[in-house]
Amino acid sequence: MVKRCTLLIWCLFTPQWLSSQHSTANMSHRGMNPVDVVDGAATPELIPDSSAYRLFLVVVGVSSSPSVEDAARQTTNVAKIGLSDSDSQALIAVANDFKVAYESAMAAYNTTADALQAGGQVPDVDSFIAQRDLLVESTLAKLKSTLSPPGMAKLHAHIQSEKRGMKVIHAAATK
């Protein structure tokens, strides 16, 4: 289960050599449609804000018992945004809540997917994606209601600039 979560994160933050050495376009995984990779270095405008916020929150959020290294990494990442102390603390709290909920949803999906695949069935990845997207939407609403307007503007500008370092995998349309 940890390997799949790690693989998912790794795929989303793929090193530059992946695009130059291995083509992932039109690859598919069991239960998924063929995929396209959007490289934010070339086309950051094609990365949806919801995907960018999700990736940011996964990286910045920490578990309920973070290691010293994780806490230091979180502090460093949040400090880069230039928020006030109160906005920084609010962002950390929301990011941590998101991380716990996201990891729980992934663990539940992975357990279900393993059971279905063991029985020769295909897991319903679309349901997981819908659940994940609702989690991101509710977290964004919480950020907007918790951070000050200038703090939210700084966070949004930071997310937009971070898109240049992201690669996002999108399922290709099959209809």
N, C-alpha and C. Protein backbone atom coordinates (compact mmCIF):
# COMPACT_ATOMS: atom_id res chain seq x y z
N MET A 1 0.83 -1.18 0.00
CA MET A 1 0.00 0.00 0.00
C MET A 1 0.88 1.25 0.00
N VAL A 2 1.90 1.27 0.83
CA VAL A 2 2.81 2.41 0.86
C VAL A 2 3.52 2.55 -0.48
N LYS A 3 3.84 1.42 -1.11
CA LYS A 3 4.51 1.47 -2.40
C LYS A 3 3.64 2.14 -3.45
N ARG A 4 2.33 1.82 -3.46
CA ARG A 4 1.43 2.43 -4.45
C ARG A 4 1.31 3.92 -4.20
N CYS A 5 1.18 4.33 -2.92
CA CYS A 5 1.09 5.75 -2.60
C CYS A 5 2.36 6.46 -3.02
N THR A 6 3.50 5.85 -2.72
CA THR A 6 4.78 6.43 -3.10
C THR A 6 4.90 6.51 -4.61
N LEU A 7 4.48 5.45 -5.31
CA LEU A 7 4.54 5.44 -6.76
C LEU A 7 3.66 6.55 -7.34
N LEU A 8 2.47 6.75 -6.76
CA LEU A 8 1.58 7.80 -7.26
C LEU A 8 2.23 9.16 -7.10
N ILE A 9 2.79 9.43 -5.93
CA ILE A 9 3.46 10.70 -5.70
C ILE A 9 4.64 10.84 -6.65
N TRP A 10 5.42 9.77 -6.81
CA TRP A 10 6.58 9.80 -7.69
C TRP A 10 6.15 10.11 -9.12
N CYS A 11 5.07 9.49 -9.56
CA CYS A 11 4.59 9.72 -10.93
C CYS A 11 4.17 11.17 -11.12
N LEU A 12 3.63 11.77 -10.08
CA LEU A 12 3.16 13.14 -10.22
C LEU A 12 4.29 14.15 -10.18
N PHE A 13 5.41 13.77 -9.57
CA PHE A 13 6.56 14.65 -9.49
C PHE A 13 7.74 13.98 -10.19
N THR A 14 7.49 13.52 -11.39
CA THR A 14 8.47 12.76 -12.15
C THR A 14 9.67 13.62 -12.53
N PRO A 15 10.86 13.07 -12.42
CA PRO A 15 12.05 13.82 -12.85
C PRO A 15 12.01 14.09 -14.36
N GLN A 16 12.77 15.08 -14.78
CA GLN A 16 12.81 15.47 -16.19
C GLN A 16 13.17 14.32 -17.11
N TRP A 17 13.98 13.38 -16.65
CA TRP A 17 14.44 12.32 -17.55
C TRP A 17 13.30 11.43 -18.01
N LEU A 18 12.19 11.39 -17.29
CA LEU A 18 11.09 10.54 -17.69
C LEU A 18 10.55 10.95 -19.06
N SER A 19 10.36 12.25 -19.24
CA SER A 19 9.80 12.68 -20.52
C SER A 19 10.78 12.51 -21.66
N SER A 20 12.08 12.54 -21.37
CA SER A 20 13.04 12.41 -22.45
C SER A 20 13.41 10.96 -22.74
N GLN A 21 13.28 10.06 -21.76
CA GLN A 21 13.71 8.69 -21.96
C GLN A 21 12.57 7.69 -22.08
N HIS A 22 11.44 8.00 -21.47
CA HIS A 22 10.32 7.06 -21.48
C HIS A 22 9.05 7.80 -21.82
N SER A 23 8.39 7.43 -22.87
CA SER A 23 7.13 8.07 -23.22
C SER A 23 6.01 7.42 -22.43
N THR A 24 5.26 8.22 -21.67
CA THR A 24 4.14 7.68 -20.91
C THR A 24 2.81 7.95 -21.59
N ALA A 25 2.82 8.66 -22.69
CA ALA A 25 1.58 8.93 -23.39
C ALA A 25 0.97 7.61 -23.84
N ASN A 26 -0.32 7.51 -23.66
CA ASN A 26 -1.10 6.35 -24.05
C ASN A 26 -0.79 5.09 -23.24
N MET A 27 -0.09 5.22 -22.12
CA MET A 27 0.06 4.08 -21.22
C MET A 27 -1.24 3.93 -20.46
N SER A 28 -1.53 2.75 -19.99
CA SER A 28 -2.72 2.62 -19.16
C SER A 28 -2.42 1.64 -18.03
N HIS A 29 -3.16 1.82 -16.96
CA HIS A 29 -3.07 0.95 -15.81
C HIS A 29 -4.41 0.28 -15.67
N ARG A 30 -4.43 -0.86 -15.03
CA ARG A 30 -5.67 -1.58 -14.87
C ARG A 30 -6.70 -0.69 -14.19
N GLY A 31 -7.84 -0.54 -14.80
CA GLY A 31 -8.90 0.28 -14.25
C GLY A 31 -8.83 1.73 -14.69
N MET A 32 -7.84 2.06 -15.52
CA MET A 32 -7.69 3.45 -15.97
C MET A 32 -7.69 3.49 -17.48
N ASN A 33 -8.11 4.62 -18.00
CA ASN A 33 -8.04 4.85 -19.44
C ASN A 33 -6.61 5.21 -19.81
N PRO A 34 -6.29 5.21 -21.11
CA PRO A 34 -4.97 5.69 -21.51
C PRO A 34 -4.75 7.10 -20.94
N VAL A 35 -3.49 7.44 -20.71
CA VAL A 35 -3.19 8.71 -20.05
C VAL A 35 -2.33 9.62 -20.90
N ASP A 36 -2.43 10.91 -20.60
CA ASP A 36 -1.57 11.92 -21.18
C ASP A 36 -0.88 12.63 -20.03
N VAL A 37 0.36 13.01 -20.23
CA VAL A 37 1.12 13.73 -19.22
C VAL A 37 1.19 15.19 -19.61
N VAL A 38 0.81 16.06 -18.69
CA VAL A 38 0.92 17.50 -18.89
C VAL A 38 2.16 17.96 -18.13
N ASP A 39 3.11 18.52 -18.84
CA ASP A 39 4.35 19.00 -18.25
C ASP A 39 4.21 20.50 -17.98
N GLY A 40 4.18 20.87 -16.71
CA GLY A 40 4.01 22.26 -16.32
C GLY A 40 5.15 23.15 -16.76
N ALA A 41 6.33 22.59 -16.98
CA ALA A 41 7.46 23.41 -17.46
C ALA A 41 7.16 23.96 -18.84
N ALA A 42 6.44 23.20 -19.64
CA ALA A 42 6.11 23.62 -21.00
C ALA A 42 4.75 24.31 -21.08
N THR A 43 3.77 23.78 -20.36
CA THR A 43 2.41 24.30 -20.46
C THR A 43 1.74 24.36 -19.08
N PRO A 44 2.18 25.26 -18.21
CA PRO A 44 1.59 25.33 -16.86
C PRO A 44 0.10 25.66 -16.88
N GLU A 45 -0.36 26.34 -17.90
CA GLU A 45 -1.77 26.71 -17.97
C GLU A 45 -2.68 25.51 -18.17
N LEU A 46 -2.12 24.37 -18.60
CA LEU A 46 -2.93 23.16 -18.80
C LEU A 46 -3.08 22.34 -17.52
N ILE A 47 -2.38 22.73 -16.46
CA ILE A 47 -2.54 22.03 -15.18
C ILE A 47 -3.67 22.71 -14.42
N PRO A 48 -4.75 21.99 -14.16
CA PRO A 48 -5.88 22.59 -13.44
C PRO A 48 -5.45 23.04 -12.04
N ASP A 49 -6.04 24.14 -11.59
CA ASP A 49 -5.74 24.63 -10.25
C ASP A 49 -6.01 23.56 -9.19
N SER A 50 -7.08 22.80 -9.35
CA SER A 50 -7.40 21.77 -8.36
C SER A 50 -6.29 20.73 -8.27
N SER A 51 -5.70 20.36 -9.39
CA SER A 51 -4.58 19.42 -9.38
C SER A 51 -3.36 20.03 -8.71
N ALA A 52 -3.09 21.29 -9.01
CA ALA A 52 -1.93 21.97 -8.43
C ALA A 52 -2.09 22.11 -6.91
N TYR A 53 -3.27 22.49 -6.46
CA TYR A 53 -3.50 22.60 -5.02
C TYR A 53 -3.37 21.23 -4.35
N ARG A 54 -3.92 20.20 -4.99
CA ARG A 54 -3.83 18.85 -4.42
C ARG A 54 -2.38 18.44 -4.25
N LEU A 55 -1.58 18.61 -5.28
CA LEU A 55 -0.17 18.23 -5.20
C LEU A 55 0.56 19.03 -4.12
N PHE A 56 0.27 20.32 -4.06
CA PHE A 56 0.88 21.18 -3.04
C PHE A 56 0.50 20.69 -1.65
N LEU A 57 -0.78 20.43 -1.42
CA LEU A 57 -1.25 20.00 -0.10
C LEU A 57 -0.69 18.65 0.30
N VAL A 58 -0.52 17.75 -0.67
CA VAL A 58 0.08 16.44 -0.37
C VAL A 58 1.53 16.61 0.07
N VAL A 59 2.24 17.52 -0.58
CA VAL A 59 3.65 17.74 -0.24
C VAL A 59 3.79 18.49 1.07
N VAL A 60 2.97 19.51 1.29
CA VAL A 60 3.12 20.37 2.46
C VAL A 60 2.50 19.74 3.71
N GLY A 61 1.42 19.02 3.57
CA GLY A 61 0.78 18.42 4.74
C GLY A 61 1.65 17.33 5.35
N VAL A 62 1.51 17.17 6.65
CA VAL A 62 2.23 16.10 7.36
C VAL A 62 1.24 15.29 8.18
N SER A 63 1.65 14.11 8.56
CA SER A 63 0.80 13.23 9.36
C SER A 63 0.65 13.79 10.76
N SER A 64 -0.18 13.13 11.55
CA SER A 64 -0.42 13.61 12.91
C SER A 64 0.80 13.48 13.81
N SER A 65 1.75 12.63 13.45
CA SER A 65 3.00 12.48 14.21
C SER A 65 4.19 12.64 13.27
N PRO A 66 4.43 13.88 12.82
CA PRO A 66 5.50 14.07 11.83
C PRO A 66 6.89 13.89 12.44
N SER A 67 7.80 13.45 11.59
CA SER A 67 9.20 13.38 12.01
C SER A 67 9.75 14.80 12.08
N VAL A 68 10.90 14.94 12.68
CA VAL A 68 11.54 16.25 12.75
C VAL A 68 11.81 16.77 11.35
N GLU A 69 12.23 15.88 10.45
CA GLU A 69 12.51 16.27 9.07
C GLU A 69 11.25 16.73 8.35
N ASP A 70 10.15 16.00 8.56
CA ASP A 70 8.89 16.39 7.91
C ASP A 70 8.40 17.76 8.40
N ALA A 71 8.50 17.98 9.69
CA ALA A 71 8.08 19.27 10.26
C ALA A 71 8.95 20.41 9.71
N ALA A 72 10.25 20.17 9.60
CA ALA A 72 11.17 21.19 9.07
C ALA A 72 10.87 21.46 7.59
N ARG A 73 10.60 20.39 6.83
CA ARG A 73 10.26 20.54 5.41
C ARG A 73 8.98 21.34 5.25
N GLN A 74 8.00 21.06 6.09
CA GLN A 74 6.74 21.79 6.04
C GLN A 74 6.95 23.28 6.34
N THR A 75 7.70 23.56 7.37
CA THR A 75 7.98 24.95 7.73
C THR A 75 8.67 25.69 6.60
N THR A 76 9.64 25.02 5.99
CA THR A 76 10.38 25.63 4.87
C THR A 76 9.46 25.89 3.68
N ASN A 77 8.62 24.92 3.34
CA ASN A 77 7.71 25.09 2.20
C ASN A 77 6.70 26.19 2.44
N VAL A 78 6.17 26.29 3.64
CA VAL A 78 5.18 27.32 3.93
C VAL A 78 5.85 28.70 3.99
N ALA A 79 7.06 28.76 4.51
CA ALA A 79 7.77 30.05 4.61
C ALA A 79 8.02 30.66 3.23
N LYS A 80 8.18 29.83 2.20
CA LYS A 80 8.43 30.32 0.85
C LYS A 80 7.29 31.19 0.32
N ILE A 81 6.10 31.00 0.87
CA ILE A 81 4.92 31.71 0.37
C ILE A 81 4.89 33.15 0.86
N GLY A 82 5.45 33.41 2.03
CA GLY A 82 5.48 34.76 2.58
C GLY A 82 4.20 35.18 3.27
N LEU A 83 3.54 34.22 3.92
CA LEU A 83 2.29 34.50 4.63
C LEU A 83 2.56 35.09 6.01
N SER A 84 1.55 35.73 6.56
CA SER A 84 1.63 36.18 7.96
C SER A 84 1.69 34.94 8.85
N ASP A 85 2.06 35.13 10.11
CA ASP A 85 2.13 33.99 11.03
C ASP A 85 0.78 33.30 11.18
N SER A 86 -0.29 34.09 11.30
CA SER A 86 -1.61 33.47 11.47
C SER A 86 -2.05 32.72 10.22
N ASP A 87 -1.77 33.27 9.04
CA ASP A 87 -2.11 32.56 7.79
C ASP A 87 -1.24 31.31 7.63
N SER A 88 0.02 31.39 8.02
CA SER A 88 0.90 30.22 7.93
C SER A 88 0.37 29.10 8.82
N GLN A 89 -0.01 29.44 10.05
CA GLN A 89 -0.53 28.42 10.96
C GLN A 89 -1.84 27.84 10.45
N ALA A 90 -2.70 28.67 9.88
CA ALA A 90 -3.97 28.20 9.33
C ALA A 90 -3.71 27.27 8.14
N LEU A 91 -2.79 27.65 7.26
CA LEU A 91 -2.46 26.80 6.11
C LEU A 91 -1.92 25.45 6.58
N ILE A 92 -1.04 25.47 7.56
CA ILE A 92 -0.48 24.22 8.07
C ILE A 92 -1.58 23.32 8.62
N ALA A 93 -2.51 23.88 9.39
CA ALA A 93 -3.59 23.08 9.95
C ALA A 93 -4.46 22.46 8.85
N VAL A 94 -4.81 23.27 7.86
CA VAL A 94 -5.66 22.77 6.76
C VAL A 94 -4.90 21.73 5.93
N ALA A 95 -3.63 21.99 5.64
CA ALA A 95 -2.82 21.04 4.85
C ALA A 95 -2.68 19.71 5.60
N ASN A 96 -2.49 19.76 6.90
CA ASN A 96 -2.36 18.53 7.68
C ASN A 96 -3.66 17.74 7.68
N ASP A 97 -4.79 18.43 7.85
CA ASP A 97 -6.10 17.76 7.79
C ASP A 97 -6.30 17.11 6.42
N PHE A 98 -5.94 17.84 5.37
CA PHE A 98 -6.06 17.30 4.01
C PHE A 98 -5.22 16.04 3.86
N LYS A 99 -3.97 16.11 4.30
CA LYS A 99 -3.05 14.98 4.15
C LYS A 99 -3.60 13.73 4.82
N VAL A 100 -4.12 13.87 6.02
CA VAL A 100 -4.68 12.72 6.75
C VAL A 100 -5.88 12.15 5.99
N ALA A 101 -6.79 13.01 5.55
CA ALA A 101 -7.98 12.55 4.82
C ALA A 101 -7.60 11.93 3.48
N TYR A 102 -6.64 12.52 2.79
CA TYR A 102 -6.20 12.02 1.49
C TYR A 102 -5.56 10.64 1.62
N GLU A 103 -4.68 10.50 2.61
CA GLU A 103 -4.02 9.20 2.82
C GLU A 103 -5.03 8.13 3.21
N SER A 104 -6.04 8.51 3.99
CA SER A 104 -7.08 7.57 4.38
C SER A 104 -7.89 7.12 3.16
N ALA A 105 -8.24 8.08 2.30
CA ALA A 105 -9.00 7.74 1.08
C ALA A 105 -8.18 6.85 0.16
N MET A 106 -6.88 7.14 0.05
CA MET A 106 -6.02 6.30 -0.80
C MET A 106 -5.89 4.89 -0.24
N ALA A 107 -5.75 4.79 1.07
CA ALA A 107 -5.63 3.47 1.70
C ALA A 107 -6.90 2.65 1.48
N ALA A 108 -8.06 3.29 1.64
CA ALA A 108 -9.33 2.59 1.42
C ALA A 108 -9.46 2.14 -0.03
N TYR A 109 -9.10 3.02 -0.96
CA TYR A 109 -9.16 2.66 -2.38
C TYR A 109 -8.21 1.51 -2.68
N ASN A 110 -6.99 1.58 -2.18
CA ASN A 110 -6.00 0.54 -2.46
C ASN A 110 -6.45 -0.81 -1.91
N THR A 111 -7.07 -0.82 -0.74
CA THR A 111 -7.57 -2.07 -0.16
C THR A 111 -8.66 -2.66 -1.04
N THR A 112 -9.59 -1.81 -1.46
CA THR A 112 -10.68 -2.25 -2.34
C THR A 112 -10.13 -2.72 -3.69
N ALA A 113 -9.20 -1.96 -4.26
CA ALA A 113 -8.63 -2.31 -5.56
C ALA A 113 -7.89 -3.64 -5.49
N ASP A 114 -7.14 -3.86 -4.42
CA ASP A 114 -6.43 -5.13 -4.26
C ASP A 114 -7.40 -6.31 -4.24
N ALA A 115 -8.49 -6.15 -3.48
CA ALA A 115 -9.48 -7.22 -3.38
C ALA A 115 -10.15 -7.48 -4.73
N LEU A 116 -10.50 -6.41 -5.43
CA LEU A 116 -11.14 -6.58 -6.74
C LEU A 116 -10.18 -7.22 -7.75
N GLN A 117 -8.95 -6.76 -7.77
CA GLN A 117 -7.98 -7.32 -8.71
C GLN A 117 -7.67 -8.77 -8.39
N ALA A 118 -7.66 -9.12 -7.12
CA ALA A 118 -7.43 -10.52 -6.75
C ALA A 118 -8.55 -11.41 -7.28
N GLY A 119 -9.74 -10.85 -7.41
CA GLY A 119 -10.88 -11.58 -7.95
C GLY A 119 -11.04 -11.42 -9.45
N GLY A 120 -10.06 -10.79 -10.10
CA GLY A 120 -10.10 -10.62 -11.54
C GLY A 120 -10.97 -9.47 -12.01
N GLN A 121 -11.35 -8.60 -11.09
CA GLN A 121 -12.20 -7.46 -11.45
C GLN A 121 -11.36 -6.19 -11.56
N VAL A 122 -11.94 -5.21 -12.22
CA VAL A 122 -11.26 -3.93 -12.41
C VAL A 122 -11.80 -2.93 -11.38
N PRO A 123 -10.91 -2.29 -10.63
CA PRO A 123 -11.38 -1.31 -9.64
C PRO A 123 -11.97 -0.07 -10.31
N ASP A 124 -12.86 0.60 -9.59
CA ASP A 124 -13.52 1.79 -10.11
C ASP A 124 -12.71 3.03 -9.73
N VAL A 125 -11.73 3.36 -10.54
CA VAL A 125 -10.87 4.50 -10.27
C VAL A 125 -11.63 5.81 -10.38
N ASP A 126 -12.67 5.85 -11.21
CA ASP A 126 -13.45 7.08 -11.37
C ASP A 126 -14.11 7.50 -10.06
N SER A 127 -14.58 6.53 -9.27
CA SER A 127 -15.19 6.86 -7.97
C SER A 127 -14.15 7.45 -7.03
N PHE A 128 -12.95 6.87 -7.04
CA PHE A 128 -11.89 7.42 -6.19
C PHE A 128 -11.54 8.84 -6.62
N ILE A 129 -11.42 9.07 -7.92
CA ILE A 129 -11.07 10.40 -8.42
C ILE A 129 -12.16 11.41 -8.03
N ALA A 130 -13.42 11.01 -8.12
CA ALA A 130 -14.51 11.90 -7.73
C ALA A 130 -14.43 12.23 -6.24
N GLN A 131 -14.16 11.21 -5.41
CA GLN A 131 -14.02 11.43 -3.97
C GLN A 131 -12.82 12.34 -3.69
N ARG A 132 -11.71 12.10 -4.38
CA ARG A 132 -10.51 12.91 -4.21
C ARG A 132 -10.78 14.36 -4.60
N ASP A 133 -11.48 14.56 -5.71
CA ASP A 133 -11.77 15.91 -6.17
C ASP A 133 -12.69 16.66 -5.20
N LEU A 134 -13.65 15.95 -4.60
CA LEU A 134 -14.50 16.57 -3.59
C LEU A 134 -13.69 16.99 -2.36
N LEU A 135 -12.72 16.16 -1.98
CA LEU A 135 -11.85 16.50 -0.86
C LEU A 135 -11.05 17.77 -1.16
N VAL A 136 -10.53 17.86 -2.38
CA VAL A 136 -9.77 19.06 -2.78
C VAL A 136 -10.68 20.28 -2.76
N GLU A 137 -11.89 20.16 -3.32
CA GLU A 137 -12.83 21.29 -3.35
C GLU A 137 -13.18 21.77 -1.95
N SER A 138 -13.45 20.84 -1.04
CA SER A 138 -13.82 21.23 0.32
C SER A 138 -12.62 21.85 1.04
N THR A 139 -11.42 21.36 0.74
CA THR A 139 -10.21 21.93 1.35
C THR A 139 -9.96 23.34 0.82
N LEU A 140 -10.17 23.56 -0.47
CA LEU A 140 -10.02 24.91 -1.02
C LEU A 140 -11.03 25.88 -0.40
N ALA A 141 -12.25 25.42 -0.20
CA ALA A 141 -13.26 26.25 0.45
C ALA A 141 -12.83 26.59 1.87
N LYS A 142 -12.27 25.62 2.56
CA LYS A 142 -11.79 25.86 3.92
C LYS A 142 -10.63 26.86 3.92
N LEU A 143 -9.72 26.73 2.97
CA LEU A 143 -8.62 27.69 2.87
C LEU A 143 -9.15 29.11 2.62
N LYS A 144 -10.10 29.22 1.72
CA LYS A 144 -10.66 30.54 1.38
C LYS A 144 -11.37 31.17 2.57
N SER A 145 -11.97 30.36 3.42
CA SER A 145 -12.67 30.91 4.58
C SER A 145 -11.75 31.09 5.80
N THR A 146 -10.58 30.48 5.77
CA THR A 146 -9.67 30.53 6.91
C THR A 146 -8.56 31.55 6.73
N LEU A 147 -7.96 31.60 5.54
CA LEU A 147 -6.87 32.55 5.29
C LEU A 147 -7.42 33.95 5.06
N SER A 148 -6.61 34.94 5.35
CA SER A 148 -6.99 36.32 5.03
C SER A 148 -7.01 36.46 3.51
N PRO A 149 -7.76 37.44 2.97
CA PRO A 149 -7.73 37.63 1.51
C PRO A 149 -6.32 37.84 0.95
N PRO A 150 -5.46 38.65 1.59
CA PRO A 150 -4.09 38.76 1.06
C PRO A 150 -3.31 37.44 1.16
N GLY A 151 -3.58 36.68 2.22
CA GLY A 151 -2.91 35.38 2.38
C GLY A 151 -3.34 34.40 1.30
N MET A 152 -4.64 34.39 1.00
CA MET A 152 -5.14 33.50 -0.05
C MET A 152 -4.57 33.92 -1.40
N ALA A 153 -4.46 35.22 -1.63
CA ALA A 153 -3.88 35.70 -2.90
C ALA A 153 -2.42 35.27 -3.02
N LYS A 154 -1.67 35.36 -1.93
CA LYS A 154 -0.26 34.92 -1.96
C LYS A 154 -0.17 33.42 -2.20
N LEU A 155 -1.04 32.65 -1.54
CA LEU A 155 -1.03 31.20 -1.74
C LEU A 155 -1.36 30.87 -3.19
N HIS A 156 -2.37 31.52 -3.74
CA HIS A 156 -2.76 31.25 -5.12
C HIS A 156 -1.62 31.59 -6.09
N ALA A 157 -0.96 32.72 -5.87
CA ALA A 157 0.17 33.10 -6.73
C ALA A 157 1.30 32.07 -6.61
N HIS A 158 1.52 31.57 -5.40
CA HIS A 158 2.56 30.55 -5.19
C HIS A 158 2.20 29.26 -5.94
N ILE A 159 0.95 28.85 -5.84
CA ILE A 159 0.50 27.62 -6.53
C ILE A 159 0.69 27.78 -8.03
N GLN A 160 0.35 28.94 -8.57
CA GLN A 160 0.51 29.18 -10.01
C GLN A 160 1.98 29.07 -10.41
N SER A 161 2.87 29.61 -9.60
CA SER A 161 4.30 29.54 -9.94
C SER A 161 4.83 28.11 -9.79
N GLU A 162 4.27 27.34 -8.87
CA GLU A 162 4.70 25.96 -8.67
C GLU A 162 4.30 25.04 -9.82
N LYS A 163 3.30 25.42 -10.59
CA LYS A 163 2.86 24.60 -11.71
C LYS A 163 4.00 24.30 -12.69
N ARG A 164 4.96 25.19 -12.80
CA ARG A 164 6.09 24.99 -13.71
C ARG A 164 6.95 23.80 -13.32
N GLY A 165 6.87 23.36 -12.10
CA GLY A 165 7.64 22.21 -11.65
C GLY A 165 6.81 20.94 -11.53
N MET A 166 5.59 20.96 -12.03
CA MET A 166 4.69 19.81 -11.89
C MET A 166 4.51 19.08 -13.21
N LYS A 167 4.25 17.80 -13.07
CA LYS A 167 3.78 16.97 -14.18
C LYS A 167 2.53 16.28 -13.68
N VAL A 168 1.46 16.36 -14.45
CA VAL A 168 0.19 15.81 -14.04
C VAL A 168 -0.27 14.81 -15.09
N ILE A 169 -0.76 13.70 -14.60
CA ILE A 169 -1.27 12.65 -15.48
C ILE A 169 -2.78 12.79 -15.57
N HIS A 170 -3.30 12.88 -16.80
CA HIS A 170 -4.72 12.99 -17.04
C HIS A 170 -5.17 11.78 -17.85
N ALA A 171 -6.32 11.21 -17.46
CA ALA A 171 -6.89 10.13 -18.26
C ALA A 171 -7.39 10.73 -19.57
N ALA A 172 -7.11 10.05 -20.65
CA ALA A 172 -7.54 10.52 -21.97
C ALA A 172 -9.04 10.25 -22.13
N ALA A 173 -9.70 11.11 -22.86
CA ALA A 173 -11.12 10.93 -23.13
C ALA A 173 -11.29 9.71 -24.03
N THR A 174 -12.26 8.86 -23.68
CA THR A 174 -12.49 7.66 -24.48
C THR A 174 -13.80 7.74 -25.25
N LYS A 175 -14.54 8.82 -25.07
CA LYS A 175 -15.83 8.93 -25.76
C LYS A 175 -15.77 9.99 -26.81
